[in-house]
Amino acid sequence: MPARFPDGEHKRTYVIPLRDAYRAPRKKRAKVAIRLIRDFVRRNLRYDGEVKIGNELNEYIWQRSIEKPPRRVVVTVKFKVEEGEIISTEVNLAAPREGAGGAAG
């Protein structure tokens, strides 16, 4: 079976929807949002191991308290591959794009 990824370090950017966190009770939403991020990365990379959440991303999720996590988040996933298998993953908040402004410009 051919390797899914070539050996080395890789980087991908995803927009992760967190709307399902709002189905959880109000006092558990941020915790559920963190779990949704981990599950999304595992599903998209077909990876069973530990997914590390970066400090910036964690603070961004908890910024408005446990009751009001963001509806979606743009993340950068860095992962290392050796012998065709993913050995580690790290998820960080993506840097804002150049020229990406809202209605205010």
Protein backbone atom coordinates (compact mmCIF):
# COMPACT_ATOMS: atom_id res chain seq x y z
CA MET A 1 0.00 0.00 0.00
CA PRO A 2 1.49 3.39 -0.95
CA ALA A 3 2.14 5.92 1.80
CA ARG A 4 -0.52 8.59 2.25
CA PHE A 5 2.05 11.30 2.94
CA PRO A 6 5.72 11.58 2.02
CA ASP A 7 8.14 11.61 4.95
CA GLY A 8 8.87 14.95 6.60
CA GLU A 9 6.91 17.81 8.12
CA HIS A 10 3.63 18.92 6.59
CA LYS A 11 1.29 21.84 7.19
CA ARG A 12 -2.40 22.19 6.33
CA THR A 13 -5.00 24.86 7.01
CA TYR A 14 -8.60 23.99 7.88
CA VAL A 15 -11.76 25.92 8.73
CA ILE A 16 -13.36 23.89 11.51
CA PRO A 17 -17.07 24.41 12.20
CA LEU A 18 -17.87 24.43 15.92
CA ARG A 19 -21.64 24.91 15.71
CA ASP A 20 -22.24 21.48 17.27
CA ALA A 21 -20.69 22.80 20.50
CA TYR A 22 -23.86 24.87 20.93
CA ARG A 23 -25.89 21.65 21.25
CA ALA A 24 -24.08 20.97 24.53
CA PRO A 25 -25.21 22.44 27.84
CA ARG A 26 -24.12 26.04 28.29
CA LYS A 27 -21.49 25.22 30.93
CA LYS A 28 -19.72 22.61 28.74
CA ARG A 29 -19.50 24.31 25.35
CA ALA A 30 -15.82 25.32 25.29
CA LYS A 31 -14.77 21.83 26.41
CA VAL A 32 -16.92 20.32 23.68
CA ALA A 33 -15.40 22.73 21.12
CA ILE A 34 -11.88 21.52 22.00
CA ARG A 35 -13.03 17.92 21.59
CA LEU A 36 -14.61 18.77 18.20
CA ILE A 37 -11.29 20.22 16.99
CA ARG A 38 -9.41 17.07 18.02
CA ASP A 39 -12.01 14.81 16.38
CA PHE A 40 -11.96 16.88 13.16
CA VAL A 41 -8.16 16.61 12.86
CA ARG A 42 -8.18 12.88 13.60
CA ARG A 43 -10.89 12.27 11.00
CA ASN A 44 -9.25 14.37 8.27
CA LEU A 45 -5.74 12.99 8.77
CA ARG A 46 -6.91 9.42 9.53
CA TYR A 47 -4.82 9.50 12.70
CA ASP A 48 -5.47 7.71 16.01
CA GLY A 49 -2.85 9.30 18.26
CA GLU A 50 -2.71 12.38 20.44
CA VAL A 51 -3.59 15.76 18.90
CA LYS A 52 -1.90 18.68 20.68
CA ILE A 53 -3.86 21.93 20.87
CA GLY A 54 -1.65 25.04 20.82
CA ASN A 55 -1.86 27.60 23.60
CA GLU A 56 -3.09 30.41 21.30
CA LEU A 57 -5.91 28.26 19.95
CA ASN A 58 -6.93 27.17 23.46
CA GLU A 59 -7.04 30.79 24.66
CA TYR A 60 -9.03 31.80 21.57
CA ILE A 61 -11.66 29.13 22.27
CA TRP A 62 -11.93 30.12 25.96
CA GLN A 63 -11.70 33.88 25.29
CA ARG A 64 -15.43 34.53 25.76
CA SER A 65 -15.78 32.04 28.63
CA ILE A 66 -17.03 28.47 28.63
CA GLU A 67 -20.52 29.45 27.47
CA LYS A 68 -19.74 31.18 24.15
CA PRO A 69 -17.01 29.54 22.05
CA PRO A 70 -16.61 30.77 18.45
CA ARG A 71 -18.87 29.30 15.77
CA ARG A 72 -15.91 28.39 13.55
CA VAL A 73 -12.15 28.60 13.75
CA VAL A 74 -9.35 28.66 11.16
CA VAL A 75 -6.47 26.44 12.24
CA THR A 76 -3.09 25.32 10.94
CA VAL A 77 -2.27 21.64 11.48
CA LYS A 78 1.40 20.66 11.52
CA PHE A 79 2.25 16.97 11.44
CA LYS A 80 5.35 14.84 11.05
CA VAL A 81 5.48 11.69 8.95
CA GLU A 82 8.02 8.88 9.23
CA GLU A 83 7.84 5.72 7.13
CA GLY A 84 4.42 6.69 5.80
CA GLU A 85 2.86 7.01 9.27
CA ILE A 86 1.96 10.19 11.13
CA ILE A 87 3.93 10.33 14.37
CA SER A 88 2.84 13.70 15.84
CA THR A 89 0.32 16.47 15.24
CA GLU A 90 -0.03 20.00 16.55
CA VAL A 91 -2.98 22.36 15.97
CA ASN A 92 -2.51 26.14 16.17
CA LEU A 93 -4.60 29.19 15.42
CA ALA A 94 -4.00 30.27 11.81
CA ALA A 95 -2.55 33.71 11.18
CA PRO A 96 -5.04 36.14 9.64
CA ARG A 97 -4.84 36.41 5.86
CA GLU A 98 -3.52 39.55 4.20
CA GLY A 99 -6.33 41.79 3.01
CA ALA A 100 -8.96 39.71 4.76
CA GLY A 101 -11.24 42.41 6.07
CA GLY A 102 -14.92 42.46 6.78
CA ALA A 103 -17.42 45.06 5.68
CA ALA A 104 -15.31 47.77 7.30
CA GLY A 105 -12.48 46.92 4.90
